[in-house]
Protein backbone atom coordinates (compact mmCIF):
# COMPACT_ATOMS: atom_id res chain seq x y z
CA MET A 1 13.15 10.59 0.24
CA ARG A 2 12.12 9.25 3.78
CA LYS A 3 15.00 7.40 5.67
CA PHE A 4 14.76 3.66 6.02
CA ASN A 5 14.89 2.02 9.45
CA ASP A 6 15.30 -1.40 8.05
CA PRO A 7 18.31 -2.03 5.87
CA ASN A 8 16.44 -5.24 4.26
CA VAL A 9 13.54 -3.00 3.23
CA GLU A 10 15.70 -0.39 1.70
CA ARG A 11 17.78 -3.17 -0.13
CA LYS A 12 14.48 -4.59 -1.44
CA PHE A 13 13.40 -1.24 -2.96
CA TYR A 14 16.75 -1.20 -4.78
CA GLU A 15 16.20 -4.70 -6.07
CA PHE A 16 12.88 -3.63 -7.79
CA PRO A 17 13.33 -3.03 -11.58
CA GLU A 18 14.27 0.64 -12.30
CA SER A 19 10.79 1.13 -14.40
CA GLN A 20 8.75 0.37 -11.25
CA ARG A 21 10.96 1.60 -8.57
CA GLY A 22 10.02 5.34 -8.74
CA LEU A 23 6.31 4.38 -8.49
CA LEU A 24 7.09 2.18 -5.39
CA PHE A 25 8.89 5.03 -3.62
CA ASP A 26 5.98 7.47 -4.42
CA LEU A 27 3.66 4.83 -2.91
CA ARG A 28 5.77 4.48 0.15
CA ASP A 29 5.78 8.26 0.66
CA THR A 30 1.96 8.27 0.18
CA ILE A 31 1.52 5.54 2.71
CA TYR A 32 3.39 7.53 5.34
CA ARG A 33 1.66 10.74 4.44
CA VAL A 34 -1.75 9.21 4.97
CA SER A 35 -0.73 7.67 8.28
CA GLU A 36 0.70 11.02 9.42
CA ALA A 37 -2.47 12.83 8.48
CA ASP A 38 -4.51 10.63 10.87
CA GLU A 39 -3.46 10.39 14.44
CA ARG A 40 -5.71 7.21 15.04
CA ILE A 41 -3.10 5.39 12.74
CA GLY A 42 -0.19 6.14 14.78
CA LYS A 43 3.36 5.41 13.89
CA LEU A 44 3.74 2.71 11.11
CA SER A 45 6.10 -0.25 11.16
CA GLU A 46 7.96 -1.09 7.90
CA GLU A 47 9.31 -4.46 7.39
CA LEU A 48 9.36 -7.19 5.05
CA ARG A 49 6.56 -9.60 4.83
CA TRP A 50 6.18 -12.32 2.31
CA GLY A 51 9.36 -10.70 0.69
CA ASN A 52 7.60 -7.21 0.23
CA PRO A 53 7.81 -3.98 2.02
CA SER A 54 4.90 -4.02 4.42
CA TYR A 55 3.23 -1.26 6.38
CA ILE A 56 1.12 -1.66 9.51
CA SER A 57 -0.29 0.53 12.19
CA ALA A 58 1.68 -1.43 15.02
CA GLN A 59 1.47 1.37 17.59
CA THR A 60 -2.38 1.49 17.48
CA ASN A 61 -3.38 -1.60 15.73
CA SER A 62 -5.99 0.40 13.66
CA GLY A 63 -5.66 -1.20 10.57
CA SER A 64 -4.67 -3.95 8.06
CA THR A 65 -1.29 -4.36 6.45
CA VAL A 66 -0.50 -2.58 3.03
CA ARG A 67 2.24 -4.29 1.10
CA LEU A 68 4.06 -3.06 -2.11
CA GLY A 69 5.16 -5.34 -4.67
CA LEU A 70 5.14 -6.22 -8.41
CA MET A 71 2.48 -7.74 -10.54
CA GLY A 72 3.60 -9.27 -13.62
CA LYS A 73 6.65 -7.91 -15.46
CA THR A 74 5.62 -4.29 -15.73
CA LYS A 75 2.98 -3.32 -13.00
CA VAL A 76 3.13 -2.46 -9.44
CA ALA A 77 0.74 -3.79 -6.79
CA LEU A 78 -0.71 -2.30 -3.64
CA LEU A 79 -1.61 -5.60 -1.77
CA PHE A 80 -4.11 -5.99 1.11
CA HIS A 81 -4.94 -8.72 3.29
CA CYS A 82 -7.26 -11.17 1.34
CA LYS A 83 -9.57 -11.93 4.26
CA THR A 84 -10.61 -8.30 4.45
CA SER A 85 -13.40 -6.63 2.44
CA LEU A 86 -11.05 -3.91 1.34
CA VAL A 87 -10.52 -4.69 -2.30
CA GLU A 88 -14.27 -5.54 -2.71
CA ASP A 89 -14.93 -2.22 -1.17
CA PHE A 90 -12.65 -0.46 -3.56
CA LYS A 91 -14.27 -2.29 -6.55
CA GLN A 92 -17.70 -0.90 -5.51
CA LYS A 93 -16.28 2.62 -5.11
CA TYR A 94 -13.77 2.78 -7.92
CA SER A 95 -14.87 0.16 -10.35
CA SER A 96 -13.74 1.93 -13.41
CA GLU A 97 -10.80 3.97 -12.03
CA LEU A 98 -8.57 1.05 -10.79
CA GLU A 99 -7.47 -2.36 -11.97
CA TYR A 100 -7.58 -5.20 -9.51
CA SER A 101 -6.14 -8.74 -8.95
CA ARG A 102 -8.89 -10.70 -7.24
CA ASN A 103 -9.58 -9.91 -3.63
CA ARG A 104 -5.90 -8.90 -2.83
CA ALA A 105 -4.49 -6.07 -4.87
CA ILE A 106 -4.79 -2.78 -6.63
CA VAL A 107 -2.71 -3.17 -9.72
CA ILE A 108 -0.99 0.04 -11.16
CA ASP A 109 0.60 0.50 -14.41
CA PRO A 110 3.56 2.92 -13.80
CA LEU A 111 2.67 4.78 -17.04
CA LEU A 112 -1.03 5.16 -16.14
CA VAL A 113 -1.05 6.01 -12.31
CA PRO A 114 -4.53 6.69 -10.97
CA PRO A 115 -5.38 9.87 -9.20
CA ALA A 116 -3.56 10.25 -6.00
CA GLU A 117 -6.76 10.93 -3.96
CA ILE A 118 -8.06 7.61 -4.91
CA LEU A 119 -4.91 5.76 -3.90
CA GLU A 120 -4.74 7.85 -0.65
CA ASN A 121 -8.42 6.92 0.11
CA CYS A 122 -7.60 3.19 -0.35
CA ILE A 123 -4.48 3.29 1.82
CA HIS A 124 -6.41 5.19 4.60
CA ALA A 125 -9.09 2.57 4.38
CA SER A 126 -6.73 -0.16 5.00
CA LEU A 127 -4.72 1.50 7.74
CA THR A 128 -8.01 2.29 9.56
CA TYR A 129 -9.79 -0.93 8.68
CA LYS A 130 -9.99 -2.35 12.35
CA LEU A 131 -11.61 0.92 13.44
CA LYS A 132 -14.56 0.36 11.20
CA ASN A 133 -14.49 -3.59 11.20
CA PRO A 134 -13.68 -4.59 14.79
């Protein structure tokens, strides 16, 4: 597991229900893996925003924030800035592969996780959003 730089973010992860925590840790690792695979993204900033762990390309300002949170009592959410076209773009590309919440989130059942490649593509799209949509 990747070390936390912010004790508040680490505490938040351990406050999540155990049934969702493993997936949230996996998504955190995926976010970092995606960012490290594309030098245009640069080093990520991890902090709490709106009470959720949030990831932004603060070094390069290449993208839009990705947040991790809960949706309802059993599901996990990858949250995106609602004033971007990100979720609408995902709906067009992955209409049947993902579940969505309006224009702000991909909703994931921890028992039915979508293919990693799809989630990686969505995370990458967010972390490079400003490169395509200046």
